[in-house]
Amino acid sequence: ALTYRPYSTNKLVDDVLMGGCRSAEDYPSDKGVQLWRK
């Protein structure tokens, strides 16, 4: 999944967040959702 919000100090800049999971079988040590920001 992915969402975004404009920065409060600059409406021409977005804070983008993407998240999801990896296979629990292939990556049993994953603590939770894999999150990336841009």
Full PDB file with SEQRES, HELIX, SHEET, SSBOND, CRYST1, ORIGX, SCALE, CONECT and MASTER records, all heavy atoms in Angstrom:
SEQRES   1 A   38  ALA LEU THR TYR ARG PRO TYR SER THR ASN LYS LEU VAL          
SEQRES   2 A   38  ASP ASP VAL LEU MET GLY GLY CYS ARG SER ALA GLU ASP          
SEQRES   3 A   38  TYR PRO SER ASP LYS GLY VAL GLN LEU TRP ARG LYS              
SHEET    1 AA1 3 LEU A   2  TYR A   7  0                                        
SHEET    2 AA1 3 ASN A  10  GLY A  20 -1                                        
SHEET    3 AA1 3 GLN A  34  ARG A  37 -1                                        
CRYST1    1.000    1.000    1.000  90.00  90.00  90.00 P 1           1          
ORIGX1      1.000000  0.000000  0.000000        0.00000                         
ORIGX2      0.000000  1.000000  0.000000        0.00000                         
ORIGX3      0.000000  0.000000  1.000000        0.00000                         
SCALE1      1.000000  0.000000  0.000000        0.00000                         
SCALE2      0.000000  1.000000  0.000000        0.00000                         
SCALE3      0.000000  0.000000  1.000000        0.00000                         
ATOM      1  N   ALA A   1       0.850  -1.194   0.000  1.00  0.00           N  
ATOM      2  CA  ALA A   1       0.000   0.000   0.000  1.00  0.00           C  
ATOM      3  C   ALA A   1       0.882   1.239   0.000  1.00  0.00           C  
ATOM      4  O   ALA A   1       2.071   1.171   0.332  1.00  0.00           O  
ATOM      5  CB  ALA A   1      -0.919   0.005   1.216  1.00  0.00           C  
ATOM      6  N   LEU A   2       0.296   2.371  -0.374  1.00  0.00           N  
ATOM      7  CA  LEU A   2       1.056   3.626  -0.466  1.00  0.00           C  
ATOM      8  C   LEU A   2       0.140   4.797  -0.170  1.00  0.00           C  
ATOM      9  O   LEU A   2      -1.039   4.787  -0.533  1.00  0.00           O  
ATOM     10  CB  LEU A   2       1.678   3.762  -1.856  1.00  0.00           C  
ATOM     11  CG  LEU A   2       2.574   4.983  -2.122  1.00  0.00           C  
ATOM     12  CD1 LEU A   2       3.728   4.604  -3.053  1.00  0.00           C  
ATOM     13  CD2 LEU A   2       1.796   6.142  -2.728  1.00  0.00           C  
ATOM     14  N   THR A   3       0.681   5.798   0.509  1.00  0.00           N  
ATOM     15  CA  THR A   3      -0.042   7.041   0.742  1.00  0.00           C  
ATOM     16  C   THR A   3       0.953   8.183   0.797  1.00  0.00           C  
ATOM     17  O   THR A   3       2.176   7.972   0.763  1.00  0.00           O  
ATOM     18  CB  THR A   3      -0.860   6.973   2.042  1.00  0.00           C  
ATOM     19  OG1 THR A   3      -1.736   8.104   2.115  1.00  0.00           O  
ATOM     20  CG2 THR A   3       0.046   6.968   3.272  1.00  0.00           C  
ATOM     21  N   TYR A   4       0.461   9.402   0.896  1.00  0.00           N  
ATOM     22  CA  TYR A   4       1.349  10.570   0.952  1.00  0.00           C  
ATOM     23  C   TYR A   4       0.628  11.720   1.633  1.00  0.00           C  
ATOM     24  O   TYR A   4      -0.601  11.725   1.786  1.00  0.00           O  
ATOM     25  CB  TYR A   4       1.794  10.984  -0.450  1.00  0.00           C  
ATOM     26  CG  TYR A   4       0.702  11.668  -1.252  1.00  0.00           C  
ATOM     27  CD1 TYR A   4       0.616  13.063  -1.318  1.00  0.00           C  
ATOM     28  CD2 TYR A   4      -0.261  10.920  -1.935  1.00  0.00           C  
ATOM     29  CE1 TYR A   4      -0.402  13.682  -2.040  1.00  0.00           C  
ATOM     30  CE2 TYR A   4      -1.270  11.529  -2.662  1.00  0.00           C  
ATOM     31  CZ  TYR A   4      -1.342  12.905  -2.707  1.00  0.00           C  
ATOM     32  OH  TYR A   4      -2.353  13.518  -3.411  1.00  0.00           O  
ATOM     33  N   ARG A   5       1.422  12.711   2.038  1.00  0.00           N  
ATOM     34  CA  ARG A   5       0.869  13.945   2.591  1.00  0.00           C  
ATOM     35  C   ARG A   5       1.804  15.088   2.223  1.00  0.00           C  
ATOM     36  O   ARG A   5       3.024  14.898   2.156  1.00  0.00           O  
ATOM     37  CB  ARG A   5       0.733  13.843   4.116  1.00  0.00           C  
ATOM     38  CG  ARG A   5       2.057  13.640   4.829  1.00  0.00           C  
ATOM     39  CD  ARG A   5       1.915  13.520   6.320  1.00  0.00           C  
ATOM     40  NE  ARG A   5       3.220  13.375   6.969  1.00  0.00           N  
ATOM     41  CZ  ARG A   5       3.390  13.203   8.268  1.00  0.00           C  
ATOM     42  NH1 ARG A   5       2.337  13.148   9.069  1.00  0.00           N  
ATOM     43  NH2 ARG A   5       4.601  13.086   8.779  1.00  0.00           N  
ATOM     44  N   PRO A   6       1.287  16.261   1.964  1.00  0.00           N  
ATOM     45  CA  PRO A   6       2.158  17.420   1.709  1.00  0.00           C  
ATOM     46  C   PRO A   6       2.883  17.826   2.983  1.00  0.00           C  
ATOM     47  O   PRO A   6       2.339  17.692   4.085  1.00  0.00           O  
ATOM     48  CB  PRO A   6       1.180  18.509   1.251  1.00  0.00           C  
ATOM     49  CG  PRO A   6      -0.087  17.806   0.919  1.00  0.00           C  
ATOM     50  CD  PRO A   6      -0.137  16.597   1.792  1.00  0.00           C  
ATOM     51  N   TYR A   7       4.092  18.312   2.844  1.00  0.00           N  
ATOM     52  CA  TYR A   7       4.806  18.842   3.996  1.00  0.00           C  
ATOM     53  C   TYR A   7       4.077  20.095   4.486  1.00  0.00           C  
ATOM     54  O   TYR A   7       3.614  20.919   3.684  1.00  0.00           O  
ATOM     55  CB  TYR A   7       6.244  19.189   3.642  1.00  0.00           C  
ATOM     56  CG  TYR A   7       7.200  18.027   3.759  1.00  0.00           C  
ATOM     57  CD1 TYR A   7       7.422  17.167   2.685  1.00  0.00           C  
ATOM     58  CD2 TYR A   7       7.874  17.767   4.945  1.00  0.00           C  
ATOM     59  CE1 TYR A   7       8.289  16.086   2.784  1.00  0.00           C  
ATOM     60  CE2 TYR A   7       8.746  16.696   5.062  1.00  0.00           C  
ATOM     61  CZ  TYR A   7       8.945  15.866   3.979  1.00  0.00           C  
ATOM     62  OH  TYR A   7       9.799  14.797   4.102  1.00  0.00           O  
ATOM     63  N   SER A   8       3.987  20.258   5.789  1.00  0.00           N  
ATOM     64  CA  SER A   8       3.277  21.406   6.354  1.00  0.00           C  
ATOM     65  C   SER A   8       3.978  22.716   6.029  1.00  0.00           C  
ATOM     66  O   SER A   8       3.346  23.774   5.982  1.00  0.00           O  
ATOM     67  CB  SER A   8       3.150  21.249   7.874  1.00  0.00           C  
ATOM     68  OG  SER A   8       4.429  21.130   8.478  1.00  0.00           O  
ATOM     69  N   THR A   9       5.289  22.660   5.795  1.00  0.00           N  
ATOM     70  CA  THR A   9       6.054  23.876   5.528  1.00  0.00           C  
ATOM     71  C   THR A   9       6.184  24.189   4.051  1.00  0.00           C  
ATOM     72  O   THR A   9       6.624  25.276   3.685  1.00  0.00           O  
ATOM     73  CB  THR A   9       7.462  23.759   6.132  1.00  0.00           C  
ATOM     74  OG1 THR A   9       8.093  22.572   5.614  1.00  0.00           O  
ATOM     75  CG2 THR A   9       7.385  23.664   7.644  1.00  0.00           C  
ATOM     76  N   ASN A  10       5.808  23.232   3.195  1.00  0.00           N  
ATOM     77  CA  ASN A  10       5.945  23.446   1.750  1.00  0.00           C  
ATOM     78  C   ASN A  10       4.967  22.535   1.028  1.00  0.00           C  
ATOM     79  O   ASN A  10       5.155  21.326   0.960  1.00  0.00           O  
ATOM     80  CB  ASN A  10       7.374  23.164   1.287  1.00  0.00           C  
ATOM     81  CG  ASN A  10       7.619  23.615  -0.160  1.00  0.00           C  
ATOM     82  OD1 ASN A  10       6.677  23.803  -0.923  1.00  0.00           O  
ATOM     83  ND2 ASN A  10       8.868  23.781  -0.514  1.00  0.00           N  
ATOM     84  N   LYS A  11       3.909  23.112   0.467  1.00  0.00           N  
ATOM     85  CA  LYS A  11       2.880  22.329  -0.199  1.00  0.00           C  
ATOM     86  C   LYS A  11       3.341  21.764  -1.538  1.00  0.00           C  
ATOM     87  O   LYS A  11       2.614  20.978  -2.156  1.00  0.00           O  
ATOM     88  CB  LYS A  11       1.628  23.192  -0.405  1.00  0.00           C  
ATOM     89  CG  LYS A  11       1.023  23.716   0.893  1.00  0.00           C  
ATOM     90  CD  LYS A  11       0.652  22.585   1.839  1.00  0.00           C  
ATOM     91  CE  LYS A  11       0.013  23.119   3.124  1.00  0.00           C  
ATOM     92  NZ  LYS A  11      -0.294  22.046   4.090  1.00  0.00           N  
ATOM     93  N   LEU A  12       4.522  22.144  -1.988  1.00  0.00           N  
ATOM     94  CA  LEU A  12       5.060  21.608  -3.239  1.00  0.00           C  
ATOM     95  C   LEU A  12       6.000  20.434  -2.988  1.00  0.00           C  
ATOM     96  O   LEU A  12       6.712  20.000  -3.905  1.00  0.00           O  
ATOM     97  CB  LEU A  12       5.788  22.706  -4.015  1.00  0.00           C  
ATOM     98  CG  LEU A  12       4.931  23.874  -4.497  1.00  0.00           C  
ATOM     99  CD1 LEU A  12       5.785  24.903  -5.228  1.00  0.00           C  
ATOM    100  CD2 LEU A  12       3.809  23.386  -5.398  1.00  0.00           C  
ATOM    101  N   VAL A  13       5.980  19.914  -1.782  1.00  0.00           N  
ATOM    102  CA  VAL A  13       6.816  18.767  -1.428  1.00  0.00           C  
ATOM    103  C   VAL A  13       5.944  17.727  -0.739  1.00  0.00           C  
ATOM    104  O   VAL A  13       5.228  18.032   0.214  1.00  0.00           O  
ATOM    105  CB  VAL A  13       7.984  19.167  -0.501  1.00  0.00           C  
ATOM    106  CG1 VAL A  13       8.828  17.944  -0.164  1.00  0.00           C  
ATOM    107  CG2 VAL A  13       8.848  20.235  -1.166  1.00  0.00           C  
ATOM    108  N   ASP A  14       5.996  16.482  -1.248  1.00  0.00           N  
ATOM    109  CA  ASP A  14       5.226  15.388  -0.673  1.00  0.00           C  
ATOM    110  C   ASP A  14       6.109  14.480   0.173  1.00  0.00           C  
ATOM    111  O   ASP A  14       7.270  14.240  -0.164  1.00  0.00           O  
ATOM    112  CB  ASP A  14       4.595  14.532  -1.778  1.00  0.00           C  
ATOM    113  CG  ASP A  14       3.357  15.166  -2.368  1.00  0.00           C  
ATOM    114  OD1 ASP A  14       2.810  16.091  -1.746  1.00  0.00           O  
ATOM    115  OD2 ASP A  14       2.938  14.736  -3.469  1.00  0.00           O  
ATOM    116  N   ASP A  15       5.525  13.964   1.242  1.00  0.00           N  
ATOM    117  CA  ASP A  15       6.127  12.926   2.065  1.00  0.00           C  
ATOM    118  C   ASP A  15       5.388  11.638   1.724  1.00  0.00           C  
ATOM    119  O   ASP A  15       4.231  11.456   2.100  1.00  0.00           O  
ATOM    120  CB  ASP A  15       5.968  13.281   3.549  1.00  0.00           C  
ATOM    121  CG  ASP A  15       6.667  12.288   4.470  1.00  0.00           C  
ATOM    122  OD1 ASP A  15       7.424  11.443   3.966  1.00  0.00           O  
ATOM    123  OD2 ASP A  15       6.450  12.372   5.688  1.00  0.00           O  
ATOM    124  N   VAL A  16       6.055  10.742   0.993  1.00  0.00           N  
ATOM    125  CA  VAL A  16       5.410   9.533   0.482  1.00  0.00           C  
ATOM    126  C   VAL A  16       5.827   8.335   1.330  1.00  0.00           C  
ATOM    127  O   VAL A  16       7.005   8.164   1.642  1.00  0.00           O  
ATOM    128  CB  VAL A  16       5.784   9.290  -0.996  1.00  0.00           C  
ATOM    129  CG1 VAL A  16       4.996   8.112  -1.555  1.00  0.00           C  
ATOM    130  CG2 VAL A  16       5.523  10.536  -1.836  1.00  0.00           C  
ATOM    131  N   LEU A  17       4.853   7.516   1.697  1.00  0.00           N  
ATOM    132  CA  LEU A  17       5.118   6.324   2.500  1.00  0.00           C  
ATOM    133  C   LEU A  17       4.565   5.097   1.780  1.00  0.00           C  
ATOM    134  O   LEU A  17       3.391   5.063   1.385  1.00  0.00           O  
ATOM    135  CB  LEU A  17       4.458   6.448   3.876  1.00  0.00           C  
ATOM    136  CG  LEU A  17       4.648   5.261   4.821  1.00  0.00           C  
ATOM    137  CD1 LEU A  17       6.103   5.180   5.294  1.00  0.00           C  
ATOM    138  CD2 LEU A  17       3.706   5.369   6.022  1.00  0.00           C  
ATOM    139  N   MET A  18       5.412   4.076   1.612  1.00  0.00           N  
ATOM    140  CA  MET A  18       5.005   2.805   1.021  1.00  0.00           C  
ATOM    141  C   MET A  18       5.280   1.698   2.024  1.00  0.00           C  
ATOM    142  O   MET A  18       6.294   1.713   2.731  1.00  0.00           O  
ATOM    143  CB  MET A  18       5.789   2.536  -0.269  1.00  0.00           C  
ATOM    144  CG  MET A  18       5.487   1.173  -0.897  1.00  0.00           C  
ATOM    145  SD  MET A  18       6.460   0.855  -2.396  1.00  0.00           S  
ATOM    146  CE  MET A  18       8.127   0.816  -1.711  1.00  0.00           C  
ATOM    147  N   GLY A  19       4.373   0.740   2.112  1.00  0.00           N  
ATOM    148  CA  GLY A  19       4.560  -0.356   3.041  1.00  0.00           C  
ATOM    149  C   GLY A  19       3.964  -1.645   2.526  1.00  0.00           C  
ATOM    150  O   GLY A  19       3.152  -1.658   1.594  1.00  0.00           O  
ATOM    151  N   GLY A  20       4.372  -2.724   3.117  1.00  0.00           N  
ATOM    152  CA  GLY A  20       3.873  -4.045   2.767  1.00  0.00           C  
ATOM    153  C   GLY A  20       4.701  -5.104   3.476  1.00  0.00           C  
ATOM    154  O   GLY A  20       5.585  -4.777   4.277  1.00  0.00           O  
ATOM    155  N   CYS A  21       4.419  -6.344   3.199  1.00  0.00           N  
ATOM    156  CA  CYS A  21       5.139  -7.436   3.853  1.00  0.00           C  
ATOM    157  C   CYS A  21       5.917  -8.281   2.838  1.00  0.00           C  
ATOM    158  O   CYS A  21       5.650  -8.234   1.640  1.00  0.00           O  
ATOM    159  CB  CYS A  21       4.152  -8.335   4.605  1.00  0.00           C  
ATOM    160  SG  CYS A  21       3.243  -7.491   5.920  1.00  0.00           S  
ATOM    161  N   ARG A  22       6.864  -9.012   3.355  1.00  0.00           N  
ATOM    162  CA  ARG A  22       7.537 -10.058   2.582  1.00  0.00           C  
ATOM    163  C   ARG A  22       7.036 -11.414   3.072  1.00  0.00           C  
ATOM    164  O   ARG A  22       6.465 -11.514   4.157  1.00  0.00           O  
ATOM    165  CB  ARG A  22       9.048  -9.951   2.732  1.00  0.00           C  
ATOM    166  CG  ARG A  22       9.618  -8.644   2.233  1.00  0.00           C  
ATOM    167  CD  ARG A  22      11.136  -8.657   2.148  1.00  0.00           C  
ATOM    168  NE  ARG A  22      11.784  -8.809   3.454  1.00  0.00           N  
ATOM    169  CZ  ARG A  22      13.101  -8.833   3.629  1.00  0.00           C  
ATOM    170  NH1 ARG A  22      13.916  -8.714   2.587  1.00  0.00           N  
ATOM    171  NH2 ARG A  22      13.611  -8.970   4.848  1.00  0.00           N  
ATOM    172  N   SER A  23       7.246 -12.420   2.277  1.00  0.00           N  
ATOM    173  CA  SER A  23       6.772 -13.750   2.624  1.00  0.00           C  
ATOM    174  C   SER A  23       7.304 -14.173   3.987  1.00  0.00           C  
ATOM    175  O   SER A  23       8.513 -14.127   4.242  1.00  0.00           O  
ATOM    176  CB  SER A  23       7.219 -14.759   1.559  1.00  0.00           C  
ATOM    177  OG  SER A  23       7.001 -16.085   2.007  1.00  0.00           O  
ATOM    178  N   ALA A  24       6.392 -14.588   4.871  1.00  0.00           N  
ATOM    179  CA  ALA A  24       6.794 -15.031   6.209  1.00  0.00           C  
ATOM    180  C   ALA A  24       7.631 -16.296   6.139  1.00  0.00           C  
ATOM    181  O   ALA A  24       8.485 -16.539   6.997  1.00  0.00           O  
ATOM    182  CB  ALA A  24       5.555 -15.253   7.073  1.00  0.00           C  
ATOM    183  N   GLU A  25       7.392 -17.106   5.113  1.00  0.00           N  
ATOM    184  CA  GLU A  25       8.179 -18.334   4.958  1.00  0.00           C  
ATOM    185  C   GLU A  25       9.600 -18.020   4.516  1.00  0.00           C  
ATOM    186  O   GLU A  25      10.561 -18.628   5.003  1.00  0.00           O  
ATOM    187  CB  GLU A  25       7.501 -19.262   3.955  1.00  0.00           C  
ATOM    188  CG  GLU A  25       6.149 -19.797   4.430  1.00  0.00           C  
ATOM    189  CD  GLU A  25       5.524 -20.720   3.407  1.00  0.00           C  
ATOM    190  OE1 GLU A  25       6.162 -20.943   2.341  1.00  0.00           O  
ATOM    191  OE2 GLU A  25       4.419 -21.226   3.662  1.00  0.00           O  
ATOM    192  N   ASP A  26       9.737 -17.069   3.581  1.00  0.00           N  
ATOM    193  CA  ASP A  26      11.067 -16.729   3.073  1.00  0.00           C  
ATOM    194  C   ASP A  26      11.826 -15.817   4.027  1.00  0.00           C  
ATOM    195  O   ASP A  26      13.064 -15.843   4.066  1.00  0.00           O  
ATOM    196  CB  ASP A  26      10.948 -16.054   1.707  1.00  0.00           C  
ATOM    197  CG  ASP A  26      10.358 -16.978   0.650  1.00  0.00           C  
ATOM    198  OD1 ASP A  26      10.460 -18.212   0.837  1.00  0.00           O  
ATOM    199  OD2 ASP A  26       9.778 -16.467  -0.333  1.00  0.00           O  
ATOM    200  N   TYR A  27      11.091 -14.982   4.791  1.00  0.00           N  
ATOM    201  CA  TYR A  27      11.742 -14.021   5.693  1.00  0.00           C  
ATOM    202  C   TYR A  27      11.109 -14.110   7.084  1.00  0.00           C  
ATOM    203  O   TYR A  27      10.419 -13.195   7.542  1.00  0.00           O  
ATOM    204  CB  TYR A  27      11.612 -12.606   5.148  1.00  0.00           C  
ATOM    205  CG  TYR A  27      12.240 -12.407   3.786  1.00  0.00           C  
ATOM    206  CD1 TYR A  27      11.486 -12.533   2.614  1.00  0.00           C  
ATOM    207  CD2 TYR A  27      13.597 -12.107   3.670  1.00  0.00           C  
ATOM    208  CE1 TYR A  27      12.073 -12.355   1.365  1.00  0.00           C  
ATOM    209  CE2 TYR A  27      14.189 -11.932   2.429  1.00  0.00           C  
ATOM    210  CZ  TYR A  27      13.425 -12.064   1.288  1.00  0.00           C  
ATOM    211  OH  TYR A  27      14.008 -11.895   0.041  1.00  0.00           O  
ATOM    212  N   PRO A  28      11.341 -15.221   7.778  1.00  0.00           N  
ATOM    213  CA  PRO A  28      10.721 -15.403   9.100  1.00  0.00           C  
ATOM    214  C   PRO A  28      11.220 -14.423  10.150  1.00  0.00           C  
ATOM    215  O   PRO A  28      10.567 -14.245  11.186  1.00  0.00           O  
ATOM    216  CB  PRO A  28      11.103 -16.845   9.465  1.00  0.00           C  
ATOM    217  CG  PRO A  28      12.350 -17.107   8.683  1.00  0.00           C  
ATOM    218  CD  PRO A  28      12.183 -16.359   7.393  1.00  0.00           C  
ATOM    219  N   SER A  29      12.371 -13.775   9.910  1.00  0.00           N  
ATOM    220  CA  SER A  29      12.915 -12.839  10.901  1.00  0.00           C  
ATOM    221  C   SER A  29      12.355 -11.433  10.755  1.00  0.00           C  
ATOM    222  O   SER A  29      12.648 -10.564  11.584  1.00  0.00           O  
ATOM    223  CB  SER A  29      14.443 -12.790  10.796  1.00  0.00           C  
ATOM    224  OG  SER A  29      14.841 -12.312   9.522  1.00  0.00           O  
ATOM    225  N   ASP A  30      11.547 -11.175   9.726  1.00  0.00           N  
ATOM    226  CA  ASP A  30      10.958  -9.840   9.573  1.00  0.00           C  
ATOM    227  C   ASP A  30      10.085  -9.512  10.782  1.00  0.00           C  
ATOM    228  O   ASP A  30       9.185 -10.278  11.147  1.00  0.00           O  
ATOM    229  CB  ASP A  30      10.103  -9.769   8.307  1.00  0.00           C  
ATOM    230  CG  ASP A  30      10.938  -9.579   7.046  1.00  0.00           C  
ATOM    231  OD1 ASP A  30      12.175  -9.477   7.172  1.00  0.00           O  
ATOM    232  OD2 ASP A  30      10.358  -9.534   5.946  1.00  0.00           O  
ATOM    233  N   LYS A  31      10.349  -8.352  11.398  1.00  0.00           N  
ATOM    234  CA  LYS A  31       9.603  -7.955  12.588  1.00  0.00           C  
ATOM    235  C   LYS A  31       8.219  -7.412  12.262  1.00  0.00           C  
ATOM    236  O   LYS A  31       7.324  -7.425  13.103  1.00  0.00           O  
ATOM    237  CB  LYS A  31      10.402  -6.910  13.368  1.00  0.00           C  
ATOM    238  CG  LYS A  31      11.719  -7.431  13.935  1.00  0.00           C  
ATOM    239  CD  LYS A  31      12.427  -6.331  14.711  1.00  0.00           C  
ATOM    240  CE  LYS A  31      13.734  -6.819  15.277  1.00  0.00           C  
ATOM    241  NZ  LYS A  31      13.534  -7.918  16.243  1.00  0.00           N  
ATOM    242  N   GLY A  32       8.061  -6.893  11.054  1.00  0.00           N  
ATOM    243  CA  GLY A  32       6.767  -6.322  10.725  1.00  0.00           C  
ATOM    244  C   GLY A  32       6.717  -5.849   9.285  1.00  0.00           C  
ATOM    245  O   GLY A  32       7.362  -6.422   8.400  1.00  0.00           O  
ATOM    246  N   VAL A  33       5.954  -4.781   9.064  1.00  0.00           N  
ATOM    247  CA  VAL A  33       5.772  -4.217   7.729  1.00  0.00           C  
ATOM    248  C   VAL A  33       7.076  -3.596   7.244  1.00  0.00           C  
ATOM    249  O   VAL A  33       7.766  -2.902   8.001  1.00  0.00           O  
ATOM    250  CB  VAL A  33       4.644  -3.165   7.752  1.00  0.00           C  
ATOM    251  CG1 VAL A  33       4.558  -2.424   6.426  1.00  0.00           C  
ATOM    252  CG2 VAL A  33       3.306  -3.823   8.092  1.00  0.00           C  
ATOM    253  N   GLN A  34       7.414  -3.841   5.964  1.00  0.00           N  
ATOM    254  CA  GLN A  34       8.563  -3.205   5.331  1.00  0.00           C  
ATOM    255  C   GLN A  34       8.132  -1.816   4.864  1.00  0.00           C  
ATOM    256  O   GLN A  34       7.272  -1.684   3.989  1.00  0.00           O  
ATOM    257  CB  GLN A  34       9.046  -4.028   4.141  1.00  0.00           C  
ATOM    258  CG  GLN A  34       9.427  -5.465   4.476  1.00  0.00           C  
ATOM    259  CD  GLN A  34      10.646  -5.529   5.374  1.00  0.00           C  
ATOM    260  OE1 GLN A  34      10.519  -5.826   6.557  1.00  0.00           O  
ATOM    261  NE2 GLN A  34      11.816  -5.246   4.826  1.00  0.00           N  
ATOM    262  N   LEU A  35       8.728  -0.781   5.447  1.00  0.00           N  
ATOM    263  CA  LEU A  35       8.332   0.596   5.161  1.00  0.00           C  
ATOM    264  C   LEU A  35       9.438   1.329   4.406  1.00  0.00           C  
ATOM    265  O   LEU A  35      10.621   1.198   4.729  1.00  0.00           O  
ATOM    266  CB  LEU A  35       8.006   1.347   6.448  1.00  0.00           C  
ATOM    267  CG  LEU A  35       6.767   0.878   7.216  1.00  0.00           C  
ATOM    268  CD1 LEU A  35       6.688   1.578   8.560  1.00  0.00           C  
ATOM    269  CD2 LEU A  35       5.494   1.127   6.404  1.00  0.00           C  
ATOM    270  N   TRP A  36       9.016   2.103   3.410  1.00  0.00           N  
ATOM    271  CA  TRP A  36       9.927   2.942   2.626  1.00  0.00           C  
ATOM    272  C   TRP A  36       9.329   4.337   2.526  1.00  0.00           C  
ATOM    273  O   TRP A  36       8.103   4.495   2.421  1.00  0.00           O  
ATOM    274  CB  TRP A  36      10.119   2.378   1.224  1.00  0.00           C  
ATOM    275  CG  TRP A  36      10.896   1.090   1.165  1.00  0.00           C  
ATOM    276  CD1 TRP A  36      10.442  -0.160   1.478  1.00  0.00           C  
ATOM    277  CD2 TRP A  36      12.251   0.935   0.755  1.00  0.00           C  
ATOM    278  NE1 TRP A  36      11.421  -1.087   1.299  1.00  0.00           N  
ATOM    279  CE2 TRP A  36      12.559  -0.449   0.848  1.00  0.00           C  
ATOM    280  CE3 TRP A  36      13.244   1.817   0.314  1.00  0.00           C  
ATOM    281  CZ2 TRP A  36      13.802  -0.959   0.514  1.00  0.00           C  
ATOM    282  CZ3 TRP A  36      14.489   1.307  -0.025  1.00  0.00           C  
ATOM    283  CH2 TRP A  36      14.771  -0.064   0.073  1.00  0.00           C  
ATOM    284  N   ARG A  37      10.214   5.348   2.563  1.00  0.00           N  
ATOM    285  CA  ARG A  37       9.765   6.737   2.432  1.00  0.00           C  
ATOM    286  C   ARG A  37      10.509   7.441   1.311  1.00  0.00           C  
ATOM    287  O   ARG A  37      11.649   7.113   0.996  1.00  0.00           O  
ATOM    288  CB  ARG A  37       9.993   7.510   3.743  1.00  0.00           C  
ATOM    289  CG  ARG A  37       9.094   7.099   4.875  1.00  0.00           C  
ATOM    290  CD  ARG A  37       9.401   7.895   6.125  1.00  0.00           C  
ATOM    291  NE  ARG A  37       9.137   9.316   5.951  1.00  0.00           N  
ATOM    292  CZ  ARG A  37       9.379  10.242   6.885  1.00  0.00           C  
ATOM    293  NH1 ARG A  37       9.920   9.883   8.042  1.00  0.00           N  
ATOM    294  NH2 ARG A  37       9.108  11.509   6.667  1.00  0.00           N  
ATOM    295  N   LYS A  38       9.805   8.419   0.736  1.00  0.00           N  
ATOM    296  CA  LYS A  38      10.419   9.233  -0.314  1.00  0.00           C  
ATOM    297  C   LYS A  38       9.925  10.661  -0.196  1.00  0.00           C  
ATOM    298  O   LYS A  38       8.737  10.905   0.053  1.00  0.00           O  
ATOM    299  CB  LYS A  38      10.074   8.691  -1.709  1.00  0.00           C  
ATOM    300  CG  LYS A  38      10.721   9.467  -2.846  1.00  0.00           C  
ATOM    301  CD  LYS A  38      10.263   8.956  -4.207  1.00  0.00           C  
ATOM    302  CE  LYS A  38      10.931   9.746  -5.337  1.00  0.00           C  
ATOM    303  NZ  LYS A  38      10.457   9.333  -6.671  1.00  0.00           N  
TER     304      LYS A  38                                                      
MASTER        0    0    0    0    3    0    0    6  303    1    0    3          
END                                                                             
